[in-house]
Amino acid sequence: MKLFTDPAAGSAGLTALRYFRAPTQWLLDGSVFKSFKLGFIPGEQGELQSRFEFFNTFNHPNFGSPTSNITSGNFGIISPPSSGQRIIQVALKILF
């Protein structure tokens, strides 16, 4: 007995929908910044802002959906992670 078979054209088949759900995906980005007052020119104010930005903070892989084409050689295989690795960005910004 075959576990998966190709259903007749126009029919839904017998496999439950939950068999081909993609893994849960989540992504957390964040930033921390601090502003410092500057007074180079009398009567004018400026700010120096230091920023730390984090993309995919916890470095969590987000896998793609499994291949659902029954005739494919990759049937049921989950694709590699779609989100990249953690990125940390540091910046200094002058506001005037």
N, C-alpha and C. Protein backbone atom coordinates (compact mmCIF):
# COMPACT_ATOMS: atom_id res chain seq x y z
N MET A 1 0.84 -1.18 0.00
CA MET A 1 0.00 0.00 0.00
C MET A 1 0.89 1.25 0.00
N LYS A 2 0.55 2.18 -0.87
CA LYS A 2 1.30 3.43 -0.96
C LYS A 2 0.77 4.43 0.05
N LEU A 3 1.67 5.18 0.65
CA LEU A 3 1.27 6.21 1.59
C LEU A 3 0.71 7.43 0.86
N PHE A 4 1.36 7.82 -0.24
CA PHE A 4 0.88 8.95 -1.03
C PHE A 4 0.65 8.48 -2.45
N THR A 5 -0.48 8.83 -2.99
CA THR A 5 -0.79 8.53 -4.38
C THR A 5 -1.32 9.79 -5.05
N ASP A 6 -1.23 9.81 -6.36
CA ASP A 6 -1.75 10.94 -7.13
C ASP A 6 -3.26 10.80 -7.23
N PRO A 7 -4.07 11.77 -6.69
CA PRO A 7 -5.52 11.65 -6.77
C PRO A 7 -6.02 11.85 -8.20
N ALA A 8 -7.21 11.34 -8.47
CA ALA A 8 -7.82 11.50 -9.79
C ALA A 8 -8.04 12.98 -10.06
N ALA A 9 -8.01 13.36 -11.32
CA ALA A 9 -8.21 14.76 -11.69
C ALA A 9 -9.56 15.26 -11.18
N GLY A 10 -9.56 16.41 -10.54
CA GLY A 10 -10.80 17.00 -10.04
C GLY A 10 -11.18 16.58 -8.64
N SER A 11 -10.45 15.64 -8.02
CA SER A 11 -10.78 15.22 -6.66
C SER A 11 -9.74 15.79 -5.68
N ALA A 12 -10.13 15.90 -4.42
CA ALA A 12 -9.27 16.50 -3.41
C ALA A 12 -8.24 15.52 -2.85
N GLY A 13 -8.47 14.24 -2.94
CA GLY A 13 -7.56 13.27 -2.36
C GLY A 13 -7.87 13.00 -0.90
N LEU A 14 -7.11 12.12 -0.25
CA LEU A 14 -7.40 11.69 1.11
C LEU A 14 -6.41 12.20 2.15
N THR A 15 -5.34 12.83 1.74
CA THR A 15 -4.33 13.29 2.68
C THR A 15 -4.82 14.51 3.43
N ALA A 16 -4.64 14.51 4.74
CA ALA A 16 -5.06 15.66 5.56
C ALA A 16 -4.22 16.89 5.24
N LEU A 17 -4.80 18.06 5.41
CA LEU A 17 -4.11 19.30 5.09
C LEU A 17 -2.89 19.53 5.97
N ARG A 18 -2.91 19.07 7.21
CA ARG A 18 -1.81 19.35 8.12
C ARG A 18 -0.50 18.69 7.71
N TYR A 19 -0.51 17.74 6.79
CA TYR A 19 0.71 17.06 6.38
C TYR A 19 1.69 18.00 5.68
N PHE A 20 1.21 19.05 5.06
CA PHE A 20 2.08 19.90 4.25
C PHE A 20 2.12 21.34 4.75
N ARG A 21 2.05 21.53 6.04
CA ARG A 21 2.18 22.86 6.62
C ARG A 21 3.66 23.21 6.74
N ALA A 22 3.95 24.49 6.54
CA ALA A 22 5.32 24.96 6.69
C ALA A 22 5.64 25.15 8.17
N PRO A 23 6.90 25.05 8.53
CA PRO A 23 7.28 25.31 9.92
C PRO A 23 6.95 26.76 10.31
N THR A 24 6.79 26.99 11.59
CA THR A 24 6.49 28.33 12.08
C THR A 24 7.63 29.28 11.75
N GLN A 25 7.27 30.49 11.35
CA GLN A 25 8.28 31.48 11.03
C GLN A 25 8.13 32.68 11.94
N TRP A 26 9.24 33.15 12.47
CA TRP A 26 9.25 34.38 13.25
C TRP A 26 10.61 35.02 13.16
N LEU A 27 10.60 36.32 13.29
CA LEU A 27 11.81 37.10 13.15
C LEU A 27 11.72 38.28 14.10
N LEU A 28 12.78 38.59 14.82
CA LEU A 28 12.77 39.70 15.77
C LEU A 28 13.92 40.64 15.44
N ASP A 29 13.56 41.89 15.12
CA ASP A 29 14.53 42.94 14.88
C ASP A 29 14.45 43.93 16.03
N GLY A 30 15.52 44.64 16.31
CA GLY A 30 15.49 45.61 17.39
C GLY A 30 16.57 46.66 17.21
N SER A 31 16.44 47.73 17.96
CA SER A 31 17.46 48.77 17.92
C SER A 31 17.56 49.44 19.27
N VAL A 32 18.75 49.96 19.56
CA VAL A 32 19.01 50.72 20.77
C VAL A 32 19.75 51.97 20.32
N PHE A 33 19.29 53.13 20.79
CA PHE A 33 20.00 54.34 20.42
C PHE A 33 19.99 55.33 21.57
N LYS A 34 20.99 56.21 21.54
CA LYS A 34 21.16 57.22 22.58
C LYS A 34 21.54 58.52 21.90
N SER A 35 20.90 59.63 22.31
CA SER A 35 21.19 60.95 21.75
C SER A 35 21.95 61.79 22.76
N PHE A 36 22.96 62.52 22.28
CA PHE A 36 23.74 63.42 23.09
C PHE A 36 23.61 64.83 22.51
N LYS A 37 23.34 65.81 23.36
CA LYS A 37 23.23 67.21 22.92
C LYS A 37 24.62 67.75 22.58
N LEU A 38 24.68 68.51 21.48
CA LEU A 38 25.92 69.16 21.05
C LEU A 38 25.68 70.67 21.00
N GLY A 39 26.69 71.47 21.28
CA GLY A 39 26.56 72.91 21.19
C GLY A 39 27.83 73.52 20.62
N PHE A 40 28.13 73.23 19.34
CA PHE A 40 29.33 73.74 18.70
C PHE A 40 29.25 75.24 18.44
N ILE A 41 28.14 75.68 17.88
CA ILE A 41 27.95 77.08 17.52
C ILE A 41 27.03 77.71 18.56
N PRO A 42 27.39 78.85 19.14
CA PRO A 42 26.52 79.48 20.14
C PRO A 42 25.14 79.80 19.56
N GLY A 43 24.11 79.45 20.31
CA GLY A 43 22.73 79.71 19.87
C GLY A 43 22.14 78.60 19.02
N GLU A 44 22.93 77.63 18.61
CA GLU A 44 22.39 76.52 17.81
C GLU A 44 22.64 75.21 18.55
N GLN A 45 21.71 74.31 18.42
CA GLN A 45 21.80 73.00 19.08
C GLN A 45 21.88 71.91 18.02
N GLY A 46 22.57 70.89 18.33
CA GLY A 46 22.64 69.72 17.49
C GLY A 46 22.64 68.48 18.37
N GLU A 47 22.55 67.33 17.73
CA GLU A 47 22.56 66.07 18.48
C GLU A 47 23.49 65.08 17.78
N LEU A 48 24.15 64.31 18.56
CA LEU A 48 24.91 63.17 18.07
C LEU A 48 24.17 61.93 18.55
N GLN A 49 23.81 61.10 17.63
CA GLN A 49 23.02 59.91 17.99
C GLN A 49 23.83 58.66 17.66
N SER A 50 24.02 57.80 18.65
CA SER A 50 24.66 56.51 18.40
C SER A 50 23.56 55.45 18.36
N ARG A 51 23.65 54.59 17.34
CA ARG A 51 22.61 53.58 17.11
C ARG A 51 23.22 52.19 16.98
N PHE A 52 22.54 51.22 17.56
CA PHE A 52 22.88 49.81 17.39
C PHE A 52 21.61 49.14 16.89
N GLU A 53 21.66 48.55 15.72
CA GLU A 53 20.48 47.91 15.13
C GLU A 53 20.77 46.43 14.92
N PHE A 54 19.79 45.60 15.26
CA PHE A 54 19.93 44.14 15.18
C PHE A 54 18.84 43.59 14.27
N PHE A 55 19.23 42.81 13.28
CA PHE A 55 18.27 42.16 12.39
C PHE A 55 18.41 40.65 12.61
N ASN A 56 17.29 39.97 12.82
CA ASN A 56 17.26 38.55 13.19
C ASN A 56 18.07 38.38 14.48
N THR A 57 17.65 39.10 15.51
CA THR A 57 18.37 39.22 16.77
C THR A 57 18.79 37.88 17.37
N PHE A 58 17.90 36.90 17.39
CA PHE A 58 18.20 35.60 18.01
C PHE A 58 18.75 34.58 17.01
N ASN A 59 19.04 35.02 15.78
CA ASN A 59 19.62 34.15 14.75
C ASN A 59 18.78 32.89 14.52
N HIS A 60 17.47 33.06 14.47
CA HIS A 60 16.53 31.95 14.31
C HIS A 60 16.34 31.62 12.83
N PRO A 61 16.57 30.36 12.40
CA PRO A 61 16.35 30.02 11.00
C PRO A 61 14.85 29.89 10.70
N ASN A 62 14.41 30.39 9.56
CA ASN A 62 13.03 30.26 9.11
C ASN A 62 13.03 29.40 7.86
N PHE A 63 12.60 28.15 8.00
CA PHE A 63 12.60 27.22 6.88
C PHE A 63 11.40 27.45 5.98
N GLY A 64 11.53 27.10 4.73
CA GLY A 64 10.44 27.25 3.77
C GLY A 64 9.47 26.08 3.85
N SER A 65 8.48 26.09 2.96
CA SER A 65 7.47 25.03 2.92
C SER A 65 8.04 23.77 2.28
N PRO A 66 7.51 22.60 2.65
CA PRO A 66 7.96 21.37 1.98
C PRO A 66 7.43 21.32 0.54
N THR A 67 8.16 20.64 -0.32
CA THR A 67 7.73 20.49 -1.70
C THR A 67 6.51 19.58 -1.73
N SER A 68 5.40 20.09 -2.30
CA SER A 68 4.15 19.32 -2.27
C SER A 68 3.82 18.66 -3.61
N ASN A 69 4.68 18.79 -4.60
CA ASN A 69 4.46 18.15 -5.89
C ASN A 69 4.86 16.68 -5.78
N ILE A 70 3.89 15.79 -5.88
CA ILE A 70 4.13 14.36 -5.65
C ILE A 70 5.04 13.73 -6.69
N THR A 71 5.14 14.34 -7.87
CA THR A 71 5.99 13.78 -8.93
C THR A 71 7.43 14.30 -8.85
N SER A 72 7.68 15.23 -7.94
CA SER A 72 9.02 15.80 -7.80
C SER A 72 9.92 14.85 -7.01
N GLY A 73 11.19 14.86 -7.34
CA GLY A 73 12.15 14.06 -6.59
C GLY A 73 12.40 14.61 -5.20
N ASN A 74 12.02 15.87 -4.97
CA ASN A 74 12.19 16.51 -3.67
C ASN A 74 10.90 16.51 -2.87
N PHE A 75 9.96 15.66 -3.18
CA PHE A 75 8.66 15.63 -2.51
C PHE A 75 8.82 15.49 -0.99
N GLY A 76 8.20 16.42 -0.23
CA GLY A 76 8.22 16.36 1.21
C GLY A 76 9.45 16.95 1.87
N ILE A 77 10.42 17.37 1.07
CA ILE A 77 11.65 17.94 1.63
C ILE A 77 11.43 19.41 1.92
N ILE A 78 11.83 19.84 3.10
CA ILE A 78 11.69 21.24 3.50
C ILE A 78 12.87 22.02 2.93
N SER A 79 12.56 23.16 2.33
CA SER A 79 13.60 23.98 1.70
C SER A 79 14.49 24.65 2.75
N PRO A 80 15.68 25.06 2.35
CA PRO A 80 16.62 25.67 3.30
C PRO A 80 16.07 26.98 3.89
N PRO A 81 16.70 27.48 4.94
CA PRO A 81 16.21 28.70 5.58
C PRO A 81 16.09 29.86 4.60
N SER A 82 14.96 30.59 4.72
CA SER A 82 14.73 31.72 3.83
C SER A 82 15.25 33.02 4.41
N SER A 83 15.42 33.09 5.73
CA SER A 83 15.94 34.31 6.33
C SER A 83 17.44 34.17 6.52
N GLY A 84 18.11 35.29 6.43
CA GLY A 84 19.56 35.28 6.57
C GLY A 84 19.99 35.16 8.01
N GLN A 85 21.28 35.26 8.20
CA GLN A 85 21.83 35.18 9.54
C GLN A 85 21.70 36.52 10.25
N ARG A 86 22.07 36.55 11.50
CA ARG A 86 21.99 37.78 12.30
C ARG A 86 22.89 38.86 11.70
N ILE A 87 22.36 40.09 11.66
CA ILE A 87 23.12 41.25 11.20
C ILE A 87 23.07 42.30 12.29
N ILE A 88 24.23 42.84 12.64
CA ILE A 88 24.32 43.93 13.62
C ILE A 88 24.91 45.13 12.91
N GLN A 89 24.23 46.26 13.04
CA GLN A 89 24.65 47.48 12.37
C GLN A 89 24.89 48.56 13.42
N VAL A 90 26.04 49.24 13.35
CA VAL A 90 26.39 50.31 14.28
C VAL A 90 26.52 51.59 13.47
N ALA A 91 25.93 52.68 13.98
CA ALA A 91 25.97 53.94 13.24
C ALA A 91 26.07 55.13 14.20
N LEU A 92 26.69 56.20 13.72
CA LEU A 92 26.70 57.50 14.40
C LEU A 92 26.00 58.48 13.47
N LYS A 93 25.11 59.27 14.02
CA LYS A 93 24.30 60.17 13.22
C LYS A 93 24.37 61.56 13.85
N ILE A 94 24.61 62.59 13.03
CA ILE A 94 24.61 63.96 13.52
C ILE A 94 23.34 64.64 13.03
N LEU A 95 22.54 65.14 13.98
CA LEU A 95 21.30 65.84 13.65
C LEU A 95 21.49 67.31 13.96
N PHE A 96 21.16 68.19 13.01
CA PHE A 96 21.28 69.63 13.27
C PHE A 96 20.15 70.38 12.62
